[in-house]
Protein backbone atom coordinates (compact mmCIF):
# COMPACT_ATOMS: atom_id res chain seq x y z
CA UNK A 1 -11.14 61.89 -39.83
CA UNK A 2 -9.57 62.43 -36.44
CA UNK A 3 -10.25 60.33 -33.40
CA UNK A 4 -10.62 62.17 -30.16
CA UNK A 5 -10.04 60.43 -26.85
CA UNK A 6 -13.27 59.41 -25.23
CA UNK A 7 -14.19 61.20 -22.05
CA UNK A 8 -16.91 58.66 -21.31
CA UNK A 9 -15.94 56.05 -18.77
CA UNK A 10 -17.70 52.86 -17.75
CA UNK A 11 -17.33 51.04 -14.45
CA UNK A 12 -19.06 47.86 -13.33
CA UNK A 13 -18.43 46.34 -9.93
CA UNK A 14 -19.94 44.18 -7.25
CA UNK A 15 -21.18 45.66 -3.98
CA UNK A 16 -22.35 43.83 -0.88
CA UNK A 17 -24.94 45.10 1.59
CA UNK A 18 -23.19 44.58 4.92
CA UNK A 19 -25.20 46.71 7.35
CA UNK A 20 -27.48 44.77 9.68
CA UNK A 21 -30.77 46.31 8.50
CA UNK A 22 -30.01 46.19 4.79
CA UNK A 23 -31.03 48.98 2.45
CA UNK A 24 -34.02 50.72 3.99
CA UNK A 25 -35.08 54.37 3.54
CA UNK A 26 -32.08 56.02 5.22
CA UNK A 27 -29.33 54.14 3.32
CA UNK A 28 -31.33 54.46 0.08
CA UNK A 29 -31.47 58.23 0.56
CA UNK A 30 -27.69 58.30 1.11
CA UNK A 31 -27.21 56.42 -2.17
CA UNK A 32 -29.50 58.86 -4.02
CA UNK A 33 -27.84 61.94 -2.52
CA UNK A 34 -24.37 60.66 -3.39
CA UNK A 35 -25.35 59.56 -6.91
CA UNK A 36 -26.75 63.02 -7.65
CA UNK A 37 -23.33 64.58 -7.05
CA UNK A 38 -21.74 62.98 -10.11
CA UNK A 39 -21.99 63.52 -13.84
CA UNK A 40 -22.68 59.88 -14.63
CA UNK A 41 -25.53 57.48 -15.21
CA UNK A 42 -25.51 55.16 -12.22
CA UNK A 43 -27.56 52.02 -11.80
CA UNK A 44 -27.80 49.26 -9.23
CA UNK A 45 -28.73 45.75 -10.29
CA UNK A 46 -30.00 42.79 -8.30
CA UNK A 47 -30.96 39.47 -9.88
CA UNK A 48 -31.27 41.04 -13.32
CA UNK A 49 -33.41 43.97 -12.14
CA UNK A 50 -31.68 47.27 -12.80
CA UNK A 51 -32.70 50.61 -11.22
CA UNK A 52 -31.51 54.20 -11.36
CA UNK A 53 -29.37 55.05 -8.32
CA UNK A 54 -31.05 58.47 -8.20
CA UNK A 55 -34.51 56.96 -7.68
CA UNK A 56 -35.25 56.33 -4.00
CA UNK A 57 -38.36 54.20 -4.49
CA UNK A 58 -36.71 52.13 -7.22
CA UNK A 59 -33.78 51.34 -4.90
CA UNK A 60 -36.19 50.24 -2.18
CA UNK A 61 -37.97 47.89 -4.61
CA UNK A 62 -34.74 45.88 -4.94
CA UNK A 63 -35.41 44.52 -1.44
CA UNK A 64 -31.78 44.33 -0.31
CA UNK A 65 -31.32 42.86 3.18
CA UNK A 66 -27.91 42.25 4.73
CA UNK A 67 -25.85 39.93 2.55
CA UNK A 68 -27.38 41.05 -0.74
CA UNK A 69 -25.07 41.27 -3.77
CA UNK A 70 -25.64 44.27 -6.03
CA UNK A 71 -23.91 45.24 -9.25
CA UNK A 72 -23.06 48.91 -9.63
CA UNK A 73 -22.85 50.23 -13.19
CA UNK A 74 -21.69 53.76 -13.85
CA UNK A 75 -21.23 55.44 -17.22
CA UNK A 76 -20.14 59.00 -17.86
CA UNK A 77 -17.42 61.54 -17.30
CA UNK A 78 -17.33 60.95 -13.53
CA UNK A 79 -18.16 57.22 -13.53
CA UNK A 80 -14.97 56.20 -11.75
CA UNK A 81 -15.35 58.81 -9.03
CA UNK A 82 -19.00 57.88 -8.53
CA UNK A 83 -18.16 54.17 -8.25
CA UNK A 84 -15.41 54.88 -5.73
CA UNK A 85 -17.68 57.07 -3.59
CA UNK A 86 -20.52 54.53 -3.61
CA UNK A 87 -18.10 51.72 -2.79
CA UNK A 88 -16.91 53.70 0.23
CA UNK A 89 -20.53 54.31 1.30
CA UNK A 90 -21.35 50.59 1.14
CA UNK A 91 -18.06 49.72 2.94
CA UNK A 92 -18.97 52.13 5.75
CA UNK A 93 -22.23 50.18 6.18
CA UNK A 94 -24.03 53.47 5.53
CA UNK A 95 -22.59 54.73 8.82
CA UNK A 96 -25.10 52.68 10.80
CA UNK A 97 -24.26 50.84 13.97
């Protein structure tokens, strides 16, 4: 039996909502659009509630005002790339003023 290297990656990291208005429809749509670009299962978790990062309404149900801590979990071939891109999006405060 031969063991092949796994091409499945897993990333888990903390994200903070820093923009003044928190995650409302526009930032949620940016998260969804970005998540759809990667071959990975991506979830966001708040207080034990986990939602698919490709589901706009589910993201909005997390109720994430400024200062909220979220946990990003990504699994799949492009998990690392997805986590890096989403981290950059959160760090940019969703490009809001």
